[in-house]
Amino acid sequence: MKGDIIVPKFEAEHLAGYKFPVIVVYNDKTLDYMGFYVARLWDGVNNVPSNIVVLKKTRDEITAIIPVVLTRIRREPDDDKNIIESYI
């Protein structure tokens, strides 16, 4: 997506600017990044996406870059169809 900052993994400084950081993981079928699994940092307080994203070719690669201090949350039935899971 235009304006996105693509990083190889999430670092502490990426999360530090948010009171309630959320990482949302998307499948490899999104229009913006077709063929790549996407992990996007969200501002959980205001429920808005940031421009910080990680792109990987496999789900395992995406899972490996999620900071271990975050907890996995399963997708909700009303989530976007491309969302796999989130981490808080």
PDB file of N, CA and C in Angstrom:
ATOM      1  N   MET A   1       0.845  -1.161   0.000  1.00  0.00           N
ATOM      2  CA  MET A   1       0.000   0.000   0.000  1.00  0.00           C
ATOM      3  C   MET A   1       0.898   1.234   0.000  1.00  0.00           C
ATOM      4  N   LYS A   2       0.512   2.207  -0.745  1.00  0.00           N
ATOM      5  CA  LYS A   2       1.316   3.424  -0.841  1.00  0.00           C
ATOM      6  C   LYS A   2       1.512   4.044   0.540  1.00  0.00           C
ATOM      7  N   GLY A   3       2.741   4.393   0.833  1.00  0.00           N
ATOM      8  CA  GLY A   3       3.052   4.989   2.122  1.00  0.00           C
ATOM      9  C   GLY A   3       3.462   3.995   3.191  1.00  0.00           C
ATOM     10  N   ASP A   4       3.334   2.710   2.912  1.00  0.00           N
ATOM     11  CA  ASP A   4       3.742   1.701   3.894  1.00  0.00           C
ATOM     12  C   ASP A   4       5.254   1.674   4.052  1.00  0.00           C
ATOM     13  N   ILE A   5       5.683   1.396   5.259  1.00  0.00           N
ATOM     14  CA  ILE A   5       7.093   1.175   5.552  1.00  0.00           C
ATOM     15  C   ILE A   5       7.247  -0.319   5.800  1.00  0.00           C
ATOM     16  N   ILE A   6       7.966  -0.980   4.920  1.00  0.00           N
ATOM     17  CA  ILE A   6       8.143  -2.428   5.021  1.00  0.00           C
ATOM     18  C   ILE A   6       9.431  -2.692   5.802  1.00  0.00           C
ATOM     19  N   VAL A   7       9.287  -3.436   6.882  1.00  0.00           N
ATOM     20  CA  VAL A   7      10.423  -3.762   7.745  1.00  0.00           C
ATOM     21  C   VAL A   7      10.595  -5.286   7.776  1.00  0.00           C
ATOM     22  N   PRO A   8      11.802  -5.772   8.070  1.00  0.00           N
ATOM     23  CA  PRO A   8      12.011  -7.230   8.086  1.00  0.00           C
ATOM     24  C   PRO A   8      11.370  -7.923   9.283  1.00  0.00           C
ATOM     25  N   LYS A   9      11.242  -7.194  10.405  1.00  0.00           N
ATOM     26  CA  LYS A   9      10.576  -7.727  11.592  1.00  0.00           C
ATOM     27  C   LYS A   9      10.204  -6.549  12.483  1.00  0.00           C
ATOM     28  N   PHE A  10       9.326  -6.794  13.440  1.00  0.00           N
ATOM     29  CA  PHE A  10       8.915  -5.746  14.366  1.00  0.00           C
ATOM     30  C   PHE A  10       9.952  -5.616  15.477  1.00  0.00           C
ATOM     31  N   GLU A  11      10.358  -4.393  15.724  1.00  0.00           N
ATOM     32  CA  GLU A  11      11.318  -4.080  16.777  1.00  0.00           C
ATOM     33  C   GLU A  11      10.582  -3.345  17.894  1.00  0.00           C
ATOM     34  N   ALA A  12      11.207  -3.256  19.047  1.00  0.00           N
ATOM     35  CA  ALA A  12      10.603  -2.576  20.205  1.00  0.00           C
ATOM     36  C   ALA A  12      10.195  -1.151  19.867  1.00  0.00           C
ATOM     37  N   GLU A  13      11.009  -0.455  19.069  1.00  0.00           N
ATOM     38  CA  GLU A  13      10.668   0.935  18.749  1.00  0.00           C
ATOM     39  C   GLU A  13       9.411   1.066  17.881  1.00  0.00           C
ATOM     40  N   HIS A  14       9.081   0.024  17.126  1.00  0.00           N
ATOM     41  CA  HIS A  14       7.842   0.056  16.342  1.00  0.00           C
ATOM     42  C   HIS A  14       6.623   0.028  17.266  1.00  0.00           C
ATOM     43  N   LEU A  15       6.703  -0.770  18.325  1.00  0.00           N
ATOM     44  CA  LEU A  15       5.585  -0.927  19.252  1.00  0.00           C
ATOM     45  C   LEU A  15       5.511   0.192  20.282  1.00  0.00           C
ATOM     46  N   ALA A  16       6.646   0.818  20.561  1.00  0.00           N
ATOM     47  CA  ALA A  16       6.740   1.782  21.665  1.00  0.00           C
ATOM     48  C   ALA A  16       5.843   3.004  21.490  1.00  0.00           C
ATOM     49  N   GLY A  17       5.525   3.369  20.281  1.00  0.00           N
ATOM     50  CA  GLY A  17       4.708   4.551  20.046  1.00  0.00           C
ATOM     51  C   GLY A  17       3.220   4.342  20.260  1.00  0.00           C
ATOM     52  N   TYR A  18       2.825   3.160  20.690  1.00  0.00           N
ATOM     53  CA  TYR A  18       1.409   2.831  20.836  1.00  0.00           C
ATOM     54  C   TYR A  18       1.107   2.378  22.257  1.00  0.00           C
ATOM     55  N   LYS A  19       0.010   2.874  22.814  1.00  0.00           N
ATOM     56  CA  LYS A  19      -0.417   2.433  24.147  1.00  0.00           C
ATOM     57  C   LYS A  19      -0.912   0.992  24.097  1.00  0.00           C
ATOM     58  N   PHE A  20      -1.545   0.631  22.978  1.00  0.00           N
ATOM     59  CA  PHE A  20      -2.106  -0.703  22.816  1.00  0.00           C
ATOM     60  C   PHE A  20      -1.796  -1.199  21.403  1.00  0.00           C
ATOM     61  N   PRO A  21      -0.546  -1.659  21.187  1.00  0.00           N
ATOM     62  CA  PRO A  21      -0.198  -2.131  19.840  1.00  0.00           C
ATOM     63  C   PRO A  21      -0.846  -3.479  19.542  1.00  0.00           C
ATOM     64  N   VAL A  22      -1.292  -3.619  18.320  1.00  0.00           N
ATOM     65  CA  VAL A  22      -1.877  -4.867  17.842  1.00  0.00           C
ATOM     66  C   VAL A  22      -1.216  -5.183  16.508  1.00  0.00           C
ATOM     67  N   ILE A  23      -0.841  -6.430  16.323  1.00  0.00           N
ATOM     68  CA  ILE A  23      -0.331  -6.873  15.025  1.00  0.00           C
ATOM     69  C   ILE A  23      -1.384  -7.788  14.417  1.00  0.00           C
ATOM     70  N   VAL A  24      -1.836  -7.426  13.237  1.00  0.00           N
ATOM     71  CA  VAL A  24      -2.843  -8.213  12.527  1.00  0.00           C
ATOM     72  C   VAL A  24      -2.150  -8.948  11.381  1.00  0.00           C
ATOM     73  N   VAL A  25      -2.381 -10.260  11.303  1.00  0.00           N
ATOM     74  CA  VAL A  25      -1.765 -11.089  10.271  1.00  0.00           C
ATOM     75  C   VAL A  25      -2.814 -11.413   9.209  1.00  0.00           C
ATOM     76  N   TYR A  26      -2.428 -11.155   7.962  1.00  0.00           N
ATOM     77  CA  TYR A  26      -3.305 -11.380   6.814  1.00  0.00           C
ATOM     78  C   TYR A  26      -2.746 -12.501   5.941  1.00  0.00           C
ATOM     79  N   ASN A  27      -3.640 -13.179   5.242  1.00  0.00           N
ATOM     80  CA  ASN A  27      -3.212 -14.254   4.341  1.00  0.00           C
ATOM     81  C   ASN A  27      -2.526 -13.674   3.106  1.00  0.00           C
ATOM     82  N   ASP A  28      -2.146 -14.540   2.203  1.00  0.00           N
ATOM     83  CA  ASP A  28      -1.402 -14.120   1.011  1.00  0.00           C
ATOM     84  C   ASP A  28      -2.294 -13.763  -0.176  1.00  0.00           C
ATOM     85  N   LYS A  29      -3.538 -13.408   0.112  1.00  0.00           N
ATOM     86  CA  LYS A  29      -4.487 -13.089  -0.948  1.00  0.00           C
ATOM     87  C   LYS A  29      -5.005 -11.643  -0.903  1.00  0.00           C
ATOM     88  N   THR A  30      -4.335 -10.775  -0.141  1.00  0.00           N
ATOM     89  CA  THR A  30      -4.772  -9.383  -0.085  1.00  0.00           C
ATOM     90  C   THR A  30      -4.420  -8.697  -1.404  1.00  0.00           C
ATOM     91  N   LEU A  31      -5.227  -7.739  -1.800  1.00  0.00           N
ATOM     92  CA  LEU A  31      -4.986  -7.039  -3.062  1.00  0.00           C
ATOM     93  C   LEU A  31      -3.703  -6.215  -3.024  1.00  0.00           C
ATOM     94  N   ASP A  32      -3.381  -5.647  -1.876  1.00  0.00           N
ATOM     95  CA  ASP A  32      -2.196  -4.797  -1.760  1.00  0.00           C
ATOM     96  C   ASP A  32      -0.893  -5.571  -1.903  1.00  0.00           C
ATOM     97  N   TYR A  33      -0.854  -6.770  -1.345  1.00  0.00           N
ATOM     98  CA  TYR A  33       0.386  -7.562  -1.321  1.00  0.00           C
ATOM     99  C   TYR A  33       0.111  -9.007  -1.702  1.00  0.00           C
ATOM    100  N   MET A  34      -0.520  -9.216  -2.833  1.00  0.00           N
ATOM    101  CA  MET A  34      -0.850 -10.559  -3.315  1.00  0.00           C
ATOM    102  C   MET A  34       0.399 -11.437  -3.353  1.00  0.00           C
ATOM    103  N   GLY A  35       0.280 -12.634  -2.784  1.00  0.00           N
ATOM    104  CA  GLY A  35       1.388 -13.578  -2.778  1.00  0.00           C
ATOM    105  C   GLY A  35       2.275 -13.486  -1.547  1.00  0.00           C
ATOM    106  N   PHE A  36       1.995 -12.525  -0.674  1.00  0.00           N
ATOM    107  CA  PHE A  36       2.766 -12.367   0.564  1.00  0.00           C
ATOM    108  C   PHE A  36       1.833 -12.395   1.764  1.00  0.00           C
ATOM    109  N   TYR A  37       2.275 -13.066   2.825  1.00  0.00           N
ATOM    110  CA  TYR A  37       1.593 -12.944   4.104  1.00  0.00           C
ATOM    111  C   TYR A  37       2.013 -11.597   4.686  1.00  0.00           C
ATOM    112  N   VAL A  38       1.068 -10.919   5.304  1.00  0.00           N
ATOM    113  CA  VAL A  38       1.298  -9.564   5.789  1.00  0.00           C
ATOM    114  C   VAL A  38       1.020  -9.501   7.281  1.00  0.00           C
ATOM    115  N   ALA A  39       1.925  -8.873   8.008  1.00  0.00           N
ATOM    116  CA  ALA A  39       1.687  -8.543   9.414  1.00  0.00           C
ATOM    117  C   ALA A  39       1.717  -7.017   9.496  1.00  0.00           C
ATOM    118  N   ARG A  40       0.626  -6.424   9.912  1.00  0.00           N
ATOM    119  CA  ARG A  40       0.521  -4.962   9.981  1.00  0.00           C
ATOM    120  C   ARG A  40       0.308  -4.540  11.427  1.00  0.00           C
ATOM    121  N   LEU A  41       1.068  -3.546  11.848  1.00  0.00           N
ATOM    122  CA  LEU A  41       0.906  -2.958  13.175  1.00  0.00           C
ATOM    123  C   LEU A  41      -0.302  -2.031  13.170  1.00  0.00           C
ATOM    124  N   TRP A  42      -1.140  -2.181  14.185  1.00  0.00           N
ATOM    125  CA  TRP A  42      -2.333  -1.342  14.349  1.00  0.00           C
ATOM    126  C   TRP A  42      -2.250  -0.576  15.659  1.00  0.00           C
ATOM    127  N   ASP A  43      -2.877   0.575  15.685  1.00  0.00           N
ATOM    128  CA  ASP A  43      -3.094   1.338  16.907  1.00  0.00           C
ATOM    129  C   ASP A  43      -4.379   0.798  17.513  1.00  0.00           C
ATOM    130  N   GLY A  44      -4.254  -0.027  18.546  1.00  0.00           N
ATOM    131  CA  GLY A  44      -5.412  -0.682  19.141  1.00  0.00           C
ATOM    132  C   GLY A  44      -6.330   0.255  19.898  1.00  0.00           C
ATOM    133  N   VAL A  45      -5.825   1.392  20.372  1.00  0.00           N
ATOM    134  CA  VAL A  45      -6.663   2.356  21.091  1.00  0.00           C
ATOM    135  C   VAL A  45      -7.653   3.006  20.131  1.00  0.00           C
ATOM    136  N   ASN A  46      -7.162   3.430  18.967  1.00  0.00           N
ATOM    137  CA  ASN A  46      -7.999   4.127  17.992  1.00  0.00           C
ATOM    138  C   ASN A  46      -8.507   3.219  16.870  1.00  0.00           C
ATOM    139  N   ASN A  47      -8.094   1.940  16.907  1.00  0.00           N
ATOM    140  CA  ASN A  47      -8.504   0.952  15.917  1.00  0.00           C
ATOM    141  C   ASN A  47      -8.210   1.407  14.486  1.00  0.00           C
ATOM    142  N   VAL A  48      -6.954   1.829  14.271  1.00  0.00           N
ATOM    143  CA  VAL A  48      -6.532   2.244  12.942  1.00  0.00           C
ATOM    144  C   VAL A  48      -5.197   1.577  12.596  1.00  0.00           C
ATOM    145  N   PRO A  49      -5.019   1.222  11.323  1.00  0.00           N
ATOM    146  CA  PRO A  49      -3.767   0.593  10.914  1.00  0.00           C
ATOM    147  C   PRO A  49      -2.637   1.614  10.840  1.00  0.00           C
ATOM    148  N   SER A  50      -1.435   1.156  11.147  1.00  0.00           N
ATOM    149  CA  SER A  50      -0.259   1.996  10.935  1.00  0.00           C
ATOM    150  C   SER A  50       0.271   1.715   9.535  1.00  0.00           C
ATOM    151  N   ASN A  51       1.372   2.368   9.204  1.00  0.00           N
ATOM    152  CA  ASN A  51       2.003   2.105   7.915  1.00  0.00           C
ATOM    153  C   ASN A  51       3.201   1.159   8.051  1.00  0.00           C
ATOM    154  N   ILE A  52       3.335   0.508   9.212  1.00  0.00           N
ATOM    155  CA  ILE A  52       4.439  -0.424   9.446  1.00  0.00           C
ATOM    156  C   ILE A  52       3.972  -1.851   9.138  1.00  0.00           C
ATOM    157  N   VAL A  53       4.621  -2.492   8.171  1.00  0.00           N
ATOM    158  CA  VAL A  53       4.234  -3.845   7.770  1.00  0.00           C
ATOM    159  C   VAL A  53       5.461  -4.735   7.582  1.00  0.00           C
ATOM    160  N   VAL A  54       5.234  -6.027   7.766  1.00  0.00           N
ATOM    161  CA  VAL A  54       6.215  -7.054   7.451  1.00  0.00           C
ATOM    162  C   VAL A  54       5.588  -7.944   6.386  1.00  0.00           C
ATOM    163  N   LEU A  55       6.348  -8.278   5.362  1.00  0.00           N
ATOM    164  CA  LEU A  55       5.894  -9.167   4.288  1.00  0.00           C
ATOM    165  C   LEU A  55       6.770 -10.409   4.279  1.00  0.00           C
ATOM    166  N   LYS A  56       6.146 -11.573   4.202  1.00  0.00           N
ATOM    167  CA  LYS A  56       6.883 -12.839   4.115  1.00  0.00           C
ATOM    168  C   LYS A  56       6.146 -13.759   3.151  1.00  0.00           C
ATOM    169  N   LYS A  57       6.857 -14.721   2.599  1.00  0.00           N
ATOM    170  CA  LYS A  57       6.257 -15.654   1.640  1.00  0.00           C
ATOM    171  C   LYS A  57       5.439 -16.762   2.293  1.00  0.00           C
ATOM    172  N   THR A  58       5.716 -17.071   3.574  1.00  0.00           N
ATOM    173  CA  THR A  58       4.985 -18.147   4.236  1.00  0.00           C
ATOM    174  C   THR A  58       4.412 -17.674   5.570  1.00  0.00           C
ATOM    175  N   ARG A  59       3.401 -18.380   6.013  1.00  0.00           N
ATOM    176  CA  ARG A  59       2.811 -18.075   7.315  1.00  0.00           C
ATOM    177  C   ARG A  59       3.815 -18.340   8.441  1.00  0.00           C
ATOM    178  N   ASP A  60       4.585 -19.393   8.318  1.00  0.00           N
ATOM    179  CA  ASP A  60       5.591 -19.694   9.337  1.00  0.00           C
ATOM    180  C   ASP A  60       6.600 -18.555   9.480  1.00  0.00           C
ATOM    181  N   GLU A  61       6.997 -17.964   8.352  1.00  0.00           N
ATOM    182  CA  GLU A  61       7.929 -16.839   8.404  1.00  0.00           C
ATOM    183  C   GLU A  61       7.304 -15.638   9.112  1.00  0.00           C
ATOM    184  N   ILE A  62       6.027 -15.399   8.853  1.00  0.00           N
ATOM    185  CA  ILE A  62       5.327 -14.288   9.530  1.00  0.00           C
ATOM    186  C   ILE A  62       5.239 -14.567  11.023  1.00  0.00           C
ATOM    187  N   THR A  63       4.836 -15.769  11.387  1.00  0.00           N
ATOM    188  CA  THR A  63       4.707 -16.120  12.801  1.00  0.00           C
ATOM    189  C   THR A  63       6.039 -15.951  13.532  1.00  0.00           C
ATOM    190  N   ALA A  64       7.131 -16.250  12.855  1.00  0.00           N
ATOM    191  CA  ALA A  64       8.457 -16.167  13.475  1.00  0.00           C
ATOM    192  C   ALA A  64       8.870 -14.741  13.831  1.00  0.00           C
ATOM    193  N   ILE A  65       8.281 -13.737  13.182  1.00  0.00           N
ATOM    194  CA  ILE A  65       8.696 -12.357  13.459  1.00  0.00           C
ATOM    195  C   ILE A  65       7.792 -11.659  14.476  1.00  0.00           C
ATOM    196  N   ILE A  66       6.775 -12.343  14.965  1.00  0.00           N
ATOM    197  CA  ILE A  66       5.888 -11.750  15.973  1.00  0.00           C
ATOM    198  C   ILE A  66       6.633 -11.705  17.311  1.00  0.00           C
ATOM    199  N   PRO A  67       6.703 -10.540  17.943  1.00  0.00           N
ATOM    200  CA  PRO A  67       7.396 -10.477  19.241  1.00  0.00           C
ATOM    201  C   PRO A  67       6.787 -11.461  20.243  1.00  0.00           C
ATOM    202  N   VAL A  68       7.640 -12.169  20.977  1.00  0.00           N
ATOM    203  CA  VAL A  68       7.192 -13.211  21.898  1.00  0.00           C
ATOM    204  C   VAL A  68       6.375 -12.663  23.069  1.00  0.00           C
ATOM    205  N   VAL A  69       6.450 -11.372  23.324  1.00  0.00           N
ATOM    206  CA  VAL A  69       5.685 -10.777  24.423  1.00  0.00           C
ATOM    207  C   VAL A  69       4.205 -10.591  24.073  1.00  0.00           C
ATOM    208  N   LEU A  70       3.856 -10.784  22.813  1.00  0.00           N
ATOM    209  CA  LEU A  70       2.461 -10.622  22.389  1.00  0.00           C
ATOM    210  C   LEU A  70       1.729 -11.960  22.442  1.00  0.00           C
ATOM    211  N   THR A  71       0.421 -11.874  22.619  1.00  0.00           N
ATOM    212  CA  THR A  71      -0.437 -13.052  22.740  1.00  0.00           C
ATOM    213  C   THR A  71      -1.320 -13.185  21.508  1.00  0.00           C
ATOM    214  N   ARG A  72      -1.414 -14.402  20.981  1.00  0.00           N
ATOM    215  CA  ARG A  72      -2.226 -14.678  19.789  1.00  0.00           C
ATOM    216  C   ARG A  72      -3.711 -14.626  20.124  1.00  0.00           C
ATOM    217  N   ILE A  73      -4.464 -13.973  19.248  1.00  0.00           N
ATOM    218  CA  ILE A  73      -5.926 -13.903  19.342  1.00  0.00           C
ATOM    219  C   ILE A  73      -6.485 -14.455  18.030  1.00  0.00           C
ATOM    220  N   ARG A  74      -7.388 -15.407  18.130  1.00  0.00           N
ATOM    221  CA  ARG A  74      -8.004 -15.962  16.913  1.00  0.00           C
ATOM    222  C   ARG A  74      -8.863 -14.911  16.229  1.00  0.00           C
ATOM    223  N   ARG A  75      -9.038 -15.101  14.944  1.00  0.00           N
ATOM    224  CA  ARG A  75      -9.881 -14.175  14.181  1.00  0.00           C
ATOM    225  C   ARG A  75     -11.331 -14.315  14.619  1.00  0.00           C
ATOM    226  N   GLU A  76     -12.058 -13.241  14.522  1.00  0.00           N
ATOM    227  CA  GLU A  76     -13.484 -13.225  14.822  1.00  0.00           C
ATOM    228  C   GLU A  76     -14.257 -13.493  13.531  1.00  0.00           C
ATOM    229  N   PRO A  77     -15.443 -14.077  13.625  1.00  0.00           N
ATOM    230  CA  PRO A  77     -16.215 -14.377  12.418  1.00  0.00           C
ATOM    231  C   PRO A  77     -16.503 -13.148  11.553  1.00  0.00           C
ATOM    232  N   ASP A  78     -16.599 -11.977  12.152  1.00  0.00           N
ATOM    233  CA  ASP A  78     -16.910 -10.776  11.374  1.00  0.00           C
ATOM    234  C   ASP A  78     -15.655 -10.010  10.923  1.00  0.00           C
ATOM    235  N   ASP A  79     -14.463 -10.555  11.166  1.00  0.00           N
ATOM    236  CA  ASP A  79     -13.222  -9.940  10.678  1.00  0.00           C
ATOM    237  C   ASP A  79     -13.166 -10.005   9.157  1.00  0.00           C
ATOM    238  N   ASP A  80     -12.346  -9.162   8.580  1.00  0.00           N
ATOM    239  CA  ASP A  80     -12.073  -9.220   7.147  1.00  0.00           C
ATOM    240  C   ASP A  80     -11.672 -10.655   6.790  1.00  0.00           C
ATOM    241  N   LYS A  81     -12.113 -11.118   5.634  1.00  0.00           N
ATOM    242  CA  LYS A  81     -11.877 -12.513   5.240  1.00  0.00           C
ATOM    243  C   LYS A  81     -10.396 -12.859   5.096  1.00  0.00           C
ATOM    244  N   ASN A  82      -9.529 -11.860   4.923  1.00  0.00           N
ATOM    245  CA  ASN A  82      -8.101 -12.111   4.764  1.00  0.00           C
ATOM    246  C   ASN A  82      -7.337 -12.150   6.085  1.00  0.00           C
ATOM    247  N   ILE A  83      -7.987 -11.803   7.175  1.00  0.00           N
ATOM    248  CA  ILE A  83      -7.317 -11.844   8.479  1.00  0.00           C
ATOM    249  C   ILE A  83      -7.214 -13.283   8.966  1.00  0.00           C
ATOM    250  N   ILE A  84      -6.010 -13.678   9.373  1.00  0.00           N
ATOM    251  CA  ILE A  84      -5.777 -15.005   9.925  1.00  0.00           C
ATOM    252  C   ILE A  84      -5.865 -14.969  11.454  1.00  0.00           C
ATOM    253  N   GLU A  85      -5.185 -13.979  12.052  1.00  0.00           N
ATOM    254  CA  GLU A  85      -5.116 -13.882  13.502  1.00  0.00           C
ATOM    255  C   GLU A  85      -4.559 -12.509  13.867  1.00  0.00           C
ATOM    256  N   SER A  86      -4.601 -12.201  15.146  1.00  0.00           N
ATOM    257  CA  SER A  86      -4.027 -10.957  15.654  1.00  0.00           C
ATOM    258  C   SER A  86      -3.204 -11.260  16.899  1.00  0.00           C
ATOM    259  N   TYR A  87      -2.348 -10.325  17.248  1.00  0.00           N
ATOM    260  CA  TYR A  87      -1.519 -10.461  18.445  1.00  0.00           C
ATOM    261  C   TYR A  87      -1.595  -9.174  19.248  1.00  0.00           C
ATOM    262  N   ILE A  88      -1.824  -9.327  20.559  1.00  0.00           N
ATOM    263  CA  ILE A  88      -1.892  -8.161  21.444  1.00  0.00           C
ATOM    264  C   ILE A  88      -0.899  -8.307  22.581  1.00  0.00           C
TER     265      ILE A  88
END
